[in-house]
Amino acid sequence: MKPARILVVEDKEEDRELIASVLLDAGYETDTCSCAEDAQSLIAGKRNRYDIVVLDLLLGHVFEPAFYLLDQIRRFSPATRTIVLSSHGTAENAVRAVKTGAFDFVDKPFVSHCRTADISAVLLPKIQAALCSDDYDKMAARKRFLEGLSEDELIDEVLIPLLKKMGYLGVQRIAFHGPGEHGKDLLPCYKYGDFNERIYYAAQVKAGRVSASSSGPCSVQTLLNQIQSVLLFSFVDKFDGCRKKVDRCLAVCSGHITNEALTALEAACEGRRDIVIVRSDDLIDLLRRWNLLEYFDRISRQGEKDDQKRGPAI
């Protein structure tokens, strides 16, 4: 099982390194930074999906950056659990931290002048409790369900309902799914922009693992070729009868993307506004924001019941 990823946000270098060493010794993948701005950049990065953030509440002698970061984590990375450290452990700060999204609150004086064993005894149980929380388990179960869907199921049961809920118009899948479909898995749909202009989207959906190999249906190069096909393929606009190309391609990947494949994908898409990469975490975040998690959990439970009826594969 892949170890949990933890980000330590602490402005004091000695404390930051001490906490990181404890976490690394415990087997966790650990990154560090010294300010809220750097933490936000790391958390927003496509490759950085943190399970836990250990956050010093007093960064640069002020509280507000940490509270702002807590709010950003709650809004944009809801599966991440934040454990707050504070040497100013007042009840008021603890209550505000929890209300702003903290999973737990730890009195920070345990760090200074302590042995690593003492830090381990206090911090590691908090981290384990966060990783075993119901919300974390639900998130993991949702990701497993997404990764197990076929491309047709991902399109019909997740992507189309989500896009319709988000206000995209004309959302429908192509009639034929397979070789010769020009890459796209949805017919061009559209959404109105800020100036009432129609912005056309199509989607390339990839279920399962994406690897860095140079060929094969699961390679990142195949995905990039399919994305390019989507952007080059033209269609007739029903509103004015003109032949057009889509403005943006949604590259929806529900399975695991290897680090090497992700590096290649990010390099190819850097600076391009016409390609939007949507990973499993992004899908779940969008389902949550658009109040579709209950629907998603319902179809996942139904999927589990269907699997049980079919019995084990032979």
Protein backbone atom coordinates (compact mmCIF):
# COMPACT_ATOMS: atom_id res chain seq x y z
CA MET A 1 0.00 0.00 0.00
CA LYS A 2 1.31 3.44 -0.97
CA PRO A 3 2.41 5.48 2.10
CA ALA A 4 0.42 8.58 3.02
CA ARG A 5 1.75 11.91 1.79
CA ILE A 6 2.23 14.66 4.37
CA LEU A 7 3.12 18.33 4.00
CA VAL A 8 4.72 20.12 6.96
CA VAL A 9 4.16 23.91 7.01
CA GLU A 10 6.40 25.43 9.66
CA ASP A 11 8.36 28.70 9.56
CA LYS A 12 11.01 27.66 12.10
CA GLU A 13 13.63 25.60 10.29
CA GLU A 14 14.70 23.54 13.32
CA ASP A 15 11.12 22.54 14.16
CA ARG A 16 10.30 21.88 10.50
CA GLU A 17 13.24 19.52 10.06
CA LEU A 18 12.58 17.76 13.36
CA ILE A 19 8.93 17.08 12.54
CA ALA A 20 9.83 15.96 9.01
CA SER A 21 12.44 13.52 10.33
CA VAL A 22 9.86 11.95 12.66
CA LEU A 23 7.40 11.51 9.80
CA LEU A 24 10.02 10.11 7.42
CA ASP A 25 11.17 7.61 10.06
CA ALA A 26 7.53 6.56 10.45
CA GLY A 27 7.39 5.72 6.73
CA TYR A 28 5.40 8.70 5.43
CA GLU A 29 6.25 10.59 2.23
CA THR A 30 7.01 14.08 3.52
CA ASP A 31 7.42 17.52 1.95
CA THR A 32 8.11 20.75 3.82
CA CYS A 33 7.72 24.49 3.32
CA SER A 34 7.98 27.59 5.49
CA CYS A 35 5.00 29.75 4.51
CA ALA A 36 1.34 29.61 3.51
CA GLU A 37 2.03 30.85 -0.03
CA ASP A 38 4.44 28.00 -0.78
CA ALA A 39 2.06 25.51 0.82
CA GLN A 40 -0.82 26.71 -1.35
CA SER A 41 1.31 26.33 -4.49
CA LEU A 42 2.30 22.80 -3.49
CA ILE A 43 -1.27 21.77 -2.67
CA ALA A 44 -2.57 23.25 -5.94
CA GLY A 45 0.01 21.33 -7.96
CA LYS A 46 -1.43 18.42 -9.96
CA ARG A 47 1.17 15.97 -8.70
CA ASN A 48 0.84 16.91 -5.03
CA ARG A 49 -2.12 15.10 -3.50
CA TYR A 50 -1.50 15.36 0.23
CA ASP A 51 -3.32 13.16 2.69
CA ILE A 52 -2.26 15.24 5.71
CA VAL A 53 -1.03 18.80 6.25
CA VAL A 54 0.76 19.53 9.55
CA LEU A 55 0.35 23.30 9.91
CA ASP A 56 1.93 25.72 12.36
CA LEU A 57 -0.80 28.20 13.25
CA LEU A 58 1.63 31.07 13.78
CA LEU A 59 3.52 31.69 10.54
CA GLY A 60 5.69 34.77 10.51
CA HIS A 61 4.31 35.90 13.90
CA VAL A 62 0.72 36.25 12.57
CA PHE A 63 -2.27 33.90 12.52
CA GLU A 64 -4.14 34.95 9.38
CA PRO A 65 -1.97 33.18 6.75
CA ALA A 66 -2.55 29.83 8.47
CA PHE A 67 -6.30 30.39 8.77
CA TYR A 68 -6.43 31.42 5.11
CA LEU A 69 -4.55 28.24 4.15
CA LEU A 70 -6.94 26.15 6.24
CA ASP A 71 -9.88 27.61 4.34
CA GLN A 72 -8.20 26.98 0.98
CA ILE A 73 -7.50 23.35 1.87
CA ARG A 74 -11.11 22.86 2.96
CA ARG A 75 -12.42 24.36 -0.28
CA PHE A 76 -10.03 22.93 -2.86
CA SER A 77 -8.59 19.77 -1.30
CA PRO A 78 -11.39 18.47 0.94
CA ALA A 79 -9.88 15.00 1.29
CA THR A 80 -6.78 16.46 2.96
CA ARG A 81 -6.78 16.41 6.76
CA THR A 82 -5.02 19.27 8.54
CA ILE A 83 -3.44 18.95 11.98
CA VAL A 84 -2.74 22.38 13.49
CA LEU A 85 0.21 23.06 15.78
CA SER A 86 0.23 26.10 18.04
CA SER A 87 2.30 27.40 20.92
CA HIS A 88 -0.60 29.78 21.56
CA GLY A 89 -3.06 27.01 22.27
CA THR A 90 -6.01 29.05 23.43
CA ALA A 91 -9.50 27.65 23.28
CA GLU A 92 -10.44 30.48 20.92
CA ASN A 93 -7.74 29.53 18.42
CA ALA A 94 -8.60 25.84 18.68
CA VAL A 95 -12.30 26.47 18.02
CA ARG A 96 -11.57 28.78 15.10
CA ALA A 97 -9.13 26.29 13.59
CA VAL A 98 -11.64 23.44 13.74
CA LYS A 99 -14.40 25.65 12.31
CA THR A 100 -12.06 26.61 9.48
CA GLY A 101 -11.41 22.98 8.62
CA ALA A 102 -8.72 21.59 10.93
CA PHE A 103 -9.04 17.91 11.80
CA ASP A 104 -7.17 18.26 15.11
CA PHE A 105 -5.26 20.77 17.21
CA VAL A 106 -1.96 20.04 18.99
CA ASP A 107 -0.19 22.20 21.56
CA LYS A 108 3.14 23.03 19.92
CA PRO A 109 5.55 23.25 22.91
CA PHE A 110 6.11 19.52 22.49
CA VAL A 111 8.49 20.36 19.62
CA SER A 112 11.07 22.66 21.18
CA HIS A 113 13.78 20.94 23.20
CA CYS A 114 12.08 17.53 22.89
CA ARG A 115 13.37 14.19 21.79
CA THR A 116 12.01 12.73 18.56
CA ALA A 117 10.44 9.95 20.61
CA ASP A 118 8.35 12.52 22.49
CA ILE A 119 7.20 14.13 19.23
CA SER A 120 6.34 10.72 17.81
CA ALA A 121 4.25 9.87 20.87
CA VAL A 122 2.14 13.02 20.47
CA LEU A 123 1.94 13.62 16.72
CA LEU A 124 1.85 10.16 15.14
CA PRO A 125 -1.39 9.03 16.87
CA LYS A 126 -3.07 12.23 15.60
CA ILE A 127 -1.95 11.46 12.06
CA GLN A 128 -3.12 7.86 12.30
CA ALA A 129 -6.50 9.02 13.59
CA ALA A 130 -6.82 11.42 10.65
CA LEU A 131 -5.96 8.70 8.15
CA CYS A 132 -8.53 6.37 9.72
CA SER A 133 -11.33 8.96 9.83
CA ASP A 134 -14.64 8.17 8.12
CA ASP A 135 -14.20 11.00 5.61
CA TYR A 136 -10.77 9.74 4.59
CA ASP A 137 -12.11 6.21 4.19
CA LYS A 138 -15.01 7.50 2.08
CA MET A 139 -12.65 9.43 -0.16
CA ALA A 140 -10.47 6.36 -0.67
CA ALA A 141 -13.54 4.24 -1.46
CA ARG A 142 -14.75 6.80 -4.00
CA LYS A 143 -11.36 6.80 -5.74
CA ARG A 144 -11.33 2.98 -5.85
CA PHE A 145 -14.80 2.97 -7.39
CA LEU A 146 -13.79 5.55 -10.02
CA GLU A 147 -10.67 3.57 -10.90
CA GLY A 148 -12.77 0.45 -11.40
CA LEU A 149 -15.19 2.00 -13.90
CA SER A 150 -14.96 1.27 -17.60
CA GLU A 151 -14.76 4.23 -19.99
CA ASP A 152 -18.43 3.81 -20.93
CA GLU A 153 -19.47 3.76 -17.26
CA LEU A 154 -17.28 6.76 -16.49
CA ILE A 155 -18.86 8.74 -19.34
CA ASP A 156 -22.49 7.75 -18.75
CA GLU A 157 -22.65 7.57 -14.95
CA VAL A 158 -20.23 10.30 -13.88
CA LEU A 159 -19.07 12.72 -16.56
CA ILE A 160 -22.35 13.43 -18.38
CA PRO A 161 -24.42 14.03 -15.18
CA LEU A 162 -21.62 16.22 -13.81
CA LEU A 163 -21.27 18.38 -16.92
CA LYS A 164 -25.04 18.87 -17.13
CA LYS A 165 -25.13 19.91 -13.48
CA MET A 166 -22.28 22.37 -14.13
CA GLY A 167 -24.31 24.12 -16.80
CA TYR A 168 -22.84 22.67 -19.98
CA LEU A 169 -25.39 22.51 -22.77
CA GLY A 170 -25.82 19.93 -25.52
CA VAL A 171 -24.01 17.24 -23.54
CA GLN A 172 -24.28 13.84 -25.21
CA ARG A 173 -21.92 11.02 -25.94
CA ILE A 174 -20.90 9.91 -29.39
CA ALA A 175 -22.96 7.12 -30.91
CA PHE A 176 -19.88 5.06 -31.73
CA HIS A 177 -17.12 4.39 -29.19
CA GLY A 178 -13.97 2.83 -30.54
CA PRO A 179 -11.35 3.19 -33.30
CA GLY A 180 -12.14 6.00 -35.73
CA GLU A 181 -14.00 8.18 -33.25
CA HIS A 182 -11.39 10.94 -33.72
CA GLY A 183 -10.45 10.84 -30.05
CA LYS A 184 -13.51 12.48 -28.60
CA ASP A 185 -15.85 10.63 -26.24
CA LEU A 186 -18.49 13.37 -26.11
CA LEU A 187 -20.01 15.36 -28.95
CA PRO A 188 -19.01 19.03 -28.73
CA CYS A 189 -20.97 20.70 -25.95
CA TYR A 190 -20.83 24.31 -24.93
CA LYS A 191 -21.02 26.77 -22.09
CA TYR A 192 -21.58 30.52 -22.26
CA GLY A 193 -18.60 32.71 -21.37
CA ASP A 194 -18.46 36.07 -19.64
CA PHE A 195 -19.52 37.90 -22.80
CA ASN A 196 -22.32 35.47 -23.70
CA GLU A 197 -20.11 33.74 -26.27
CA ARG A 198 -20.37 29.98 -26.75
CA ILE A 199 -17.23 28.10 -25.65
CA TYR A 200 -17.16 24.61 -27.14
CA TYR A 201 -15.75 21.62 -25.27
CA ALA A 202 -15.16 17.98 -26.14
CA ALA A 203 -13.80 15.23 -23.92
CA GLN A 204 -11.23 12.46 -24.14
CA VAL A 205 -11.90 9.96 -21.38
CA LYS A 206 -9.27 7.52 -20.14
CA ALA A 207 -10.20 4.85 -17.62
CA GLY A 208 -7.47 2.88 -15.91
CA ARG A 209 -3.77 3.47 -15.51
CA VAL A 210 -1.77 5.89 -17.67
CA SER A 211 1.92 4.99 -18.03
CA ALA A 212 4.94 6.73 -19.52
CA SER A 213 5.46 4.11 -22.23
CA SER A 214 5.73 5.42 -25.78
CA SER A 215 2.98 3.23 -27.23
CA GLY A 216 -0.06 1.16 -26.30
CA PRO A 217 -3.63 2.13 -25.32
CA CYS A 218 -2.60 3.10 -21.77
CA SER A 219 0.43 5.22 -22.70
CA VAL A 220 0.63 8.94 -22.13
CA GLN A 221 1.65 9.41 -25.77
CA THR A 222 -1.56 7.74 -26.92
CA LEU A 223 -3.53 10.05 -24.62
CA LEU A 224 -1.72 13.12 -25.99
CA ASN A 225 -2.39 11.98 -29.56
CA GLN A 226 -6.08 11.54 -28.75
CA ILE A 227 -6.24 15.01 -27.17
CA GLN A 228 -4.69 16.50 -30.30
CA SER A 229 -7.22 14.66 -32.46
CA VAL A 230 -10.04 16.17 -30.40
CA LEU A 231 -8.68 19.68 -30.93
CA LEU A 232 -8.16 19.20 -34.70
CA PHE A 233 -11.50 17.56 -35.46
CA SER A 234 -14.12 19.96 -36.82
CA PHE A 235 -17.91 19.98 -36.47
CA VAL A 236 -20.84 21.95 -37.83
CA ASP A 237 -22.22 24.54 -35.40
CA LYS A 238 -25.98 24.07 -35.34
CA PHE A 239 -26.50 27.76 -34.53
CA ASP A 240 -24.83 29.27 -37.60
CA GLY A 241 -24.09 26.29 -39.85
CA CYS A 242 -20.35 27.06 -39.83
CA ARG A 243 -17.67 24.41 -39.49
CA LYS A 244 -15.67 24.92 -36.30
CA LYS A 245 -13.19 23.28 -33.96
CA VAL A 246 -13.68 22.90 -30.23
CA ASP A 247 -12.12 25.54 -28.00
CA ARG A 248 -11.06 23.17 -25.22
CA CYS A 249 -10.54 19.49 -24.60
CA LEU A 250 -11.32 17.91 -21.24
CA ALA A 251 -8.80 15.11 -20.67
CA VAL A 252 -10.55 13.01 -18.02
CA CYS A 253 -8.39 10.32 -16.37
CA SER A 254 -9.99 8.25 -13.62
CA GLY A 255 -7.10 5.89 -12.93
CA HIS A 256 -3.57 6.25 -11.62
CA ILE A 257 -1.16 8.37 -13.68
CA THR A 258 2.44 7.41 -13.04
CA ASN A 259 4.85 10.21 -12.05
CA GLU A 260 6.73 9.88 -15.34
CA ALA A 261 3.49 10.04 -17.35
CA LEU A 262 2.29 13.03 -15.32
CA THR A 263 5.56 14.86 -15.98
CA ALA A 264 5.16 14.28 -19.73
CA LEU A 265 1.51 15.30 -19.64
CA GLU A 266 2.20 18.51 -17.72
CA ALA A 267 5.10 19.42 -20.02
CA ALA A 268 2.95 18.95 -23.13
CA CYS A 269 0.07 20.97 -21.67
CA GLU A 270 2.05 23.74 -19.97
CA GLY A 271 0.70 27.18 -20.82
CA ARG A 272 -2.15 25.79 -22.92
CA ARG A 273 -5.67 26.92 -22.07
CA ASP A 274 -7.22 24.56 -24.63
CA ILE A 275 -6.42 21.43 -22.58
CA VAL A 276 -7.96 20.80 -19.16
CA ILE A 277 -6.65 17.76 -17.29
CA VAL A 278 -9.23 16.26 -14.92
CA ARG A 279 -8.00 13.52 -12.56
CA SER A 280 -9.94 11.34 -10.12
CA ASP A 281 -9.41 13.78 -7.22
CA ASP A 282 -10.65 16.62 -9.44
CA LEU A 283 -13.75 14.62 -10.37
CA ILE A 284 -14.59 13.94 -6.73
CA ASP A 285 -13.99 17.59 -5.81
CA LEU A 286 -16.34 18.69 -8.62
CA LEU A 287 -18.99 16.16 -7.57
CA ARG A 288 -18.80 17.60 -4.07
CA ARG A 289 -18.98 21.25 -5.19
CA TRP A 290 -22.00 20.56 -7.40
CA ASN A 291 -23.84 18.53 -4.74
CA LEU A 292 -23.57 15.23 -6.61
CA LEU A 293 -21.66 13.20 -4.01
CA GLU A 294 -24.86 11.63 -2.69
CA TYR A 295 -25.74 10.54 -6.23
CA PHE A 296 -22.19 9.24 -6.77
CA ASP A 297 -22.20 7.29 -3.50
CA ARG A 298 -25.54 5.79 -4.46
CA ILE A 299 -24.29 4.46 -7.80
CA SER A 300 -21.10 3.19 -6.16
CA ARG A 301 -23.15 1.23 -3.59
CA GLN A 302 -25.28 -0.15 -6.42
CA GLY A 303 -22.11 -1.14 -8.26
CA GLU A 304 -20.88 -3.04 -5.20
CA LYS A 305 -24.23 -4.87 -4.95
CA ASP A 306 -24.06 -5.83 -8.63
CA ASP A 307 -20.52 -7.18 -8.17
CA GLN A 308 -21.67 -9.26 -5.22
CA LYS A 309 -24.56 -10.71 -7.27
CA ARG A 310 -22.19 -11.66 -10.10
CA GLY A 311 -19.84 -13.33 -7.67
CA PRO A 312 -16.06 -13.58 -7.93
CA ALA A 313 -14.45 -13.61 -11.36
CA ILE A 314 -13.16 -17.00 -12.46
